[in-house]
Amino acid sequence: MVGYKVEEVKWKGLGVNDHWQQMKGIMMETAKDICGMTKGPRRHKETWWWNEEVAEAVRDKKIKYGKWKKENTEEARMEYKKSRQTIRYNNNKQRPFNGL
């Protein structure tokens, strides 16, 4: 299938980059014709353990991160670090099969 498409293209007078773009286009089009295309994986999977408590903790962590980056102080860094550890603890506690 690629061979037929390659023969149809006028290759005379094209530079190296143009040759590359033509070949790339032919290969991509042929692969699409043969294999098809998928939409890909879902980006936002629903998690039943995500509740308002977790969402509030994540919001708090994001605020503290912004404060740390803005102020650039050790105190702000420690606040962010503590909120990050709290989120890890709470998420692990609420997720299923956390003891396995």
N, C-alpha and C. Protein backbone atom coordinates (compact mmCIF):
# COMPACT_ATOMS: atom_id res chain seq x y z
N MET A 1 0.81 -1.17 0.00
CA MET A 1 0.00 0.00 0.00
C MET A 1 0.87 1.26 0.00
N VAL A 2 1.96 1.22 0.78
CA VAL A 2 2.87 2.36 0.82
C VAL A 2 3.53 2.55 -0.54
N GLY A 3 3.88 1.44 -1.18
CA GLY A 3 4.57 1.50 -2.47
C GLY A 3 3.77 2.26 -3.51
N TYR A 4 2.47 2.03 -3.55
CA TYR A 4 1.64 2.73 -4.53
C TYR A 4 1.62 4.23 -4.27
N LYS A 5 1.53 4.60 -3.01
CA LYS A 5 1.48 6.02 -2.67
C LYS A 5 2.81 6.70 -2.93
N VAL A 6 3.91 5.98 -2.70
CA VAL A 6 5.24 6.55 -2.93
C VAL A 6 5.44 6.80 -4.42
N GLU A 7 4.95 5.89 -5.25
CA GLU A 7 5.10 6.05 -6.70
C GLU A 7 4.30 7.22 -7.23
N GLU A 8 3.20 7.58 -6.57
CA GLU A 8 2.34 8.66 -7.04
C GLU A 8 2.93 10.05 -6.78
N VAL A 9 3.82 10.16 -5.82
CA VAL A 9 4.36 11.47 -5.42
C VAL A 9 5.43 11.92 -6.42
N LYS A 10 5.44 13.19 -6.73
CA LYS A 10 6.47 13.78 -7.59
C LYS A 10 7.67 14.15 -6.71
N TRP A 11 8.75 13.39 -6.82
CA TRP A 11 9.90 13.58 -5.94
C TRP A 11 10.94 14.55 -6.50
N LYS A 12 10.89 14.86 -7.76
CA LYS A 12 11.89 15.73 -8.39
C LYS A 12 11.78 17.15 -7.83
N GLY A 13 12.90 17.76 -7.52
CA GLY A 13 12.95 19.15 -7.09
C GLY A 13 12.60 19.37 -5.62
N LEU A 14 12.45 18.30 -4.88
CA LEU A 14 12.14 18.46 -3.46
C LEU A 14 13.42 18.37 -2.64
N GLY A 15 13.47 19.14 -1.56
CA GLY A 15 14.61 19.09 -0.66
C GLY A 15 14.48 17.92 0.31
N VAL A 16 15.49 17.78 1.15
CA VAL A 16 15.51 16.67 2.11
C VAL A 16 14.33 16.76 3.07
N ASN A 17 14.07 17.96 3.59
CA ASN A 17 12.95 18.12 4.52
C ASN A 17 11.61 17.84 3.84
N ASP A 18 11.48 18.25 2.59
CA ASP A 18 10.25 17.98 1.87
C ASP A 18 10.07 16.48 1.62
N HIS A 19 11.19 15.80 1.30
CA HIS A 19 11.13 14.34 1.14
C HIS A 19 10.65 13.70 2.45
N TRP A 20 11.25 14.14 3.54
CA TRP A 20 10.90 13.58 4.84
C TRP A 20 9.41 13.80 5.15
N GLN A 21 8.92 15.00 4.94
CA GLN A 21 7.52 15.30 5.22
C GLN A 21 6.59 14.46 4.33
N GLN A 22 6.97 14.29 3.07
CA GLN A 22 6.15 13.46 2.16
C GLN A 22 6.10 12.01 2.66
N MET A 23 7.27 11.46 3.00
CA MET A 23 7.32 10.07 3.47
C MET A 23 6.57 9.91 4.79
N LYS A 24 6.74 10.85 5.67
CA LYS A 24 6.05 10.80 6.96
C LYS A 24 4.54 10.81 6.73
N GLY A 25 4.07 11.69 5.86
CA GLY A 25 2.64 11.76 5.57
C GLY A 25 2.11 10.47 4.98
N ILE A 26 2.87 9.89 4.06
CA ILE A 26 2.46 8.63 3.43
C ILE A 26 2.39 7.52 4.46
N MET A 27 3.40 7.42 5.31
CA MET A 27 3.42 6.35 6.33
C MET A 27 2.29 6.52 7.35
N MET A 28 2.06 7.75 7.78
CA MET A 28 1.01 8.00 8.76
C MET A 28 -0.37 7.70 8.16
N GLU A 29 -0.58 8.11 6.94
CA GLU A 29 -1.86 7.87 6.28
C GLU A 29 -2.09 6.37 6.07
N THR A 30 -1.05 5.66 5.66
CA THR A 30 -1.18 4.21 5.45
C THR A 30 -1.44 3.50 6.77
N ALA A 31 -0.71 3.89 7.83
CA ALA A 31 -0.94 3.28 9.13
C ALA A 31 -2.36 3.53 9.62
N LYS A 32 -2.86 4.72 9.39
CA LYS A 32 -4.23 5.07 9.78
C LYS A 32 -5.23 4.23 9.00
N ASP A 33 -4.99 4.04 7.69
CA ASP A 33 -5.89 3.24 6.87
C ASP A 33 -5.91 1.78 7.32
N ILE A 34 -4.74 1.25 7.65
CA ILE A 34 -4.63 -0.17 8.00
C ILE A 34 -5.07 -0.43 9.44
N CYS A 35 -4.55 0.36 10.37
CA CYS A 35 -4.79 0.10 11.79
C CYS A 35 -6.01 0.81 12.34
N GLY A 36 -6.37 1.92 11.75
CA GLY A 36 -7.46 2.71 12.31
C GLY A 36 -6.95 3.62 13.41
N MET A 37 -7.87 4.33 14.04
CA MET A 37 -7.49 5.25 15.11
C MET A 37 -8.41 5.03 16.30
N THR A 38 -7.89 5.27 17.48
CA THR A 38 -8.68 5.21 18.69
C THR A 38 -8.70 6.58 19.34
N LYS A 39 -9.59 6.76 20.26
CA LYS A 39 -9.67 8.03 20.97
C LYS A 39 -8.64 8.11 22.08
N GLY A 40 -8.12 6.99 22.52
CA GLY A 40 -7.17 6.98 23.62
C GLY A 40 -7.88 6.75 24.95
N PRO A 41 -7.10 6.67 26.03
CA PRO A 41 -7.71 6.39 27.32
C PRO A 41 -8.46 7.59 27.87
N ARG A 42 -9.42 7.32 28.73
CA ARG A 42 -10.13 8.41 29.40
C ARG A 42 -9.18 9.13 30.32
N ARG A 43 -9.24 10.42 30.35
CA ARG A 43 -8.31 11.19 31.17
C ARG A 43 -8.78 11.36 32.61
N HIS A 44 -10.08 11.42 32.82
CA HIS A 44 -10.60 11.66 34.16
C HIS A 44 -11.44 10.47 34.60
N LYS A 45 -10.79 9.54 35.27
CA LYS A 45 -11.51 8.39 35.77
C LYS A 45 -12.17 8.77 37.10
N GLU A 46 -13.33 8.27 37.29
CA GLU A 46 -14.06 8.58 38.51
C GLU A 46 -13.51 7.74 39.65
N THR A 47 -13.27 8.36 40.77
CA THR A 47 -12.79 7.63 41.93
C THR A 47 -13.80 7.81 43.06
N TRP A 48 -14.29 6.71 43.56
CA TRP A 48 -15.34 6.78 44.57
C TRP A 48 -14.81 7.24 45.91
N TRP A 49 -13.51 7.11 46.15
CA TRP A 49 -12.96 7.52 47.45
C TRP A 49 -12.68 9.02 47.50
N TRP A 50 -12.79 9.72 46.37
CA TRP A 50 -12.56 11.15 46.34
C TRP A 50 -13.81 11.84 46.88
N ASN A 51 -13.69 12.43 48.07
CA ASN A 51 -14.84 13.09 48.67
C ASN A 51 -14.49 14.54 48.98
N GLU A 52 -15.39 15.21 49.66
CA GLU A 52 -15.19 16.64 49.94
C GLU A 52 -13.99 16.88 50.85
N GLU A 53 -13.76 15.95 51.75
CA GLU A 53 -12.61 16.09 52.66
C GLU A 53 -11.29 16.05 51.88
N VAL A 54 -11.18 15.13 50.95
CA VAL A 54 -9.98 15.03 50.12
C VAL A 54 -9.83 16.25 49.23
N ALA A 55 -10.94 16.68 48.63
CA ALA A 55 -10.90 17.85 47.75
C ALA A 55 -10.45 19.10 48.52
N GLU A 56 -10.94 19.26 49.74
CA GLU A 56 -10.55 20.41 50.55
C GLU A 56 -9.06 20.36 50.91
N ALA A 57 -8.57 19.17 51.21
CA ALA A 57 -7.15 19.02 51.53
C ALA A 57 -6.27 19.34 50.33
N VAL A 58 -6.71 18.93 49.14
CA VAL A 58 -5.94 19.22 47.93
C VAL A 58 -5.95 20.72 47.63
N ARG A 59 -7.10 21.35 47.80
CA ARG A 59 -7.16 22.81 47.62
C ARG A 59 -6.22 23.52 48.58
N ASP A 60 -6.23 23.09 49.84
CA ASP A 60 -5.36 23.69 50.85
C ASP A 60 -3.89 23.50 50.48
N LYS A 61 -3.56 22.31 50.00
CA LYS A 61 -2.17 22.04 49.60
C LYS A 61 -1.75 22.93 48.44
N LYS A 62 -2.63 23.12 47.47
CA LYS A 62 -2.31 23.98 46.33
C LYS A 62 -2.11 25.43 46.76
N ILE A 63 -2.93 25.88 47.68
CA ILE A 63 -2.77 27.25 48.20
C ILE A 63 -1.43 27.40 48.91
N LYS A 64 -1.10 26.41 49.73
CA LYS A 64 0.18 26.48 50.46
C LYS A 64 1.37 26.37 49.52
N TYR A 65 1.23 25.62 48.44
CA TYR A 65 2.31 25.54 47.46
C TYR A 65 2.53 26.90 46.80
N GLY A 66 1.43 27.54 46.42
CA GLY A 66 1.54 28.87 45.81
C GLY A 66 2.16 29.87 46.77
N LYS A 67 1.78 29.80 48.05
CA LYS A 67 2.35 30.69 49.06
C LYS A 67 3.84 30.45 49.20
N TRP A 68 4.24 29.17 49.22
CA TRP A 68 5.66 28.83 49.36
C TRP A 68 6.46 29.36 48.17
N LYS A 69 5.94 29.18 46.97
CA LYS A 69 6.66 29.65 45.78
C LYS A 69 6.71 31.17 45.71
N LYS A 70 5.66 31.82 46.20
CA LYS A 70 5.61 33.27 46.16
C LYS A 70 6.54 33.89 47.21
N GLU A 71 6.47 33.37 48.44
CA GLU A 71 7.25 33.94 49.54
C GLU A 71 8.67 33.40 49.60
N ASN A 72 8.84 32.14 49.21
CA ASN A 72 10.15 31.49 49.20
C ASN A 72 10.80 31.50 50.59
N THR A 73 9.99 31.14 51.63
CA THR A 73 10.51 31.07 52.99
C THR A 73 10.49 29.62 53.47
N GLU A 74 11.30 29.34 54.46
CA GLU A 74 11.36 27.99 55.02
C GLU A 74 10.06 27.64 55.75
N GLU A 75 9.45 28.64 56.40
CA GLU A 75 8.19 28.40 57.10
C GLU A 75 7.08 28.00 56.14
N ALA A 76 6.99 28.69 55.01
CA ALA A 76 5.98 28.35 54.01
C ALA A 76 6.25 26.97 53.42
N ARG A 77 7.52 26.65 53.23
CA ARG A 77 7.89 25.33 52.69
C ARG A 77 7.47 24.22 53.65
N MET A 78 7.67 24.43 54.95
CA MET A 78 7.30 23.43 55.94
C MET A 78 5.78 23.26 56.02
N GLU A 79 5.03 24.36 55.88
CA GLU A 79 3.57 24.27 55.85
C GLU A 79 3.11 23.44 54.66
N TYR A 80 3.71 23.70 53.51
CA TYR A 80 3.36 22.94 52.31
C TYR A 80 3.70 21.47 52.49
N LYS A 81 4.88 21.21 53.02
CA LYS A 81 5.33 19.83 53.21
C LYS A 81 4.40 19.08 54.16
N LYS A 82 3.97 19.76 55.22
CA LYS A 82 3.05 19.13 56.18
C LYS A 82 1.71 18.83 55.53
N SER A 83 1.17 19.77 54.75
CA SER A 83 -0.11 19.53 54.10
C SER A 83 0.00 18.41 53.07
N ARG A 84 1.14 18.31 52.41
CA ARG A 84 1.36 17.22 51.45
C ARG A 84 1.37 15.87 52.15
N GLN A 85 2.02 15.80 53.31
CA GLN A 85 2.05 14.55 54.07
C GLN A 85 0.67 14.19 54.60
N THR A 86 -0.09 15.20 55.00
CA THR A 86 -1.45 14.96 55.49
C THR A 86 -2.32 14.37 54.39
N ILE A 87 -2.19 14.91 53.19
CA ILE A 87 -2.98 14.39 52.07
C ILE A 87 -2.60 12.94 51.78
N ARG A 88 -1.33 12.64 51.78
CA ARG A 88 -0.91 11.25 51.53
C ARG A 88 -1.50 10.32 52.58
N TYR A 89 -1.45 10.73 53.83
CA TYR A 89 -1.98 9.90 54.90
C TYR A 89 -3.49 9.71 54.73
N ASN A 90 -4.22 10.80 54.52
CA ASN A 90 -5.68 10.72 54.38
C ASN A 90 -6.08 9.91 53.15
N ASN A 91 -5.38 10.09 52.03
CA ASN A 91 -5.73 9.34 50.82
C ASN A 91 -5.48 7.86 51.01
N ASN A 92 -4.37 7.51 51.63
CA ASN A 92 -4.07 6.10 51.85
C ASN A 92 -5.07 5.48 52.82
N LYS A 93 -5.55 6.25 53.76
CA LYS A 93 -6.52 5.77 54.74
C LYS A 93 -7.87 5.51 54.07
N GLN A 94 -8.24 6.31 53.08
CA GLN A 94 -9.55 6.20 52.46
C GLN A 94 -9.58 5.28 51.26
N ARG A 95 -8.45 4.99 50.67
CA ARG A 95 -8.45 4.13 49.49
C ARG A 95 -8.71 2.67 49.90
N PRO A 96 -9.30 1.92 48.99
CA PRO A 96 -9.59 0.53 49.31
C PRO A 96 -8.31 -0.30 49.32
N PHE A 97 -8.29 -1.33 50.12
CA PHE A 97 -7.20 -2.30 50.21
C PHE A 97 -5.87 -1.62 50.54
N ASN A 98 -5.90 -0.63 51.40
CA ASN A 98 -4.66 0.08 51.72
C ASN A 98 -3.69 -0.77 52.52
N GLY A 99 -4.17 -1.83 53.14
CA GLY A 99 -3.28 -2.67 53.95
C GLY A 99 -2.59 -3.75 53.16
N LEU A 100 -2.94 -3.95 51.91
CA LEU A 100 -2.34 -5.04 51.12
C LEU A 100 -1.01 -4.65 50.55
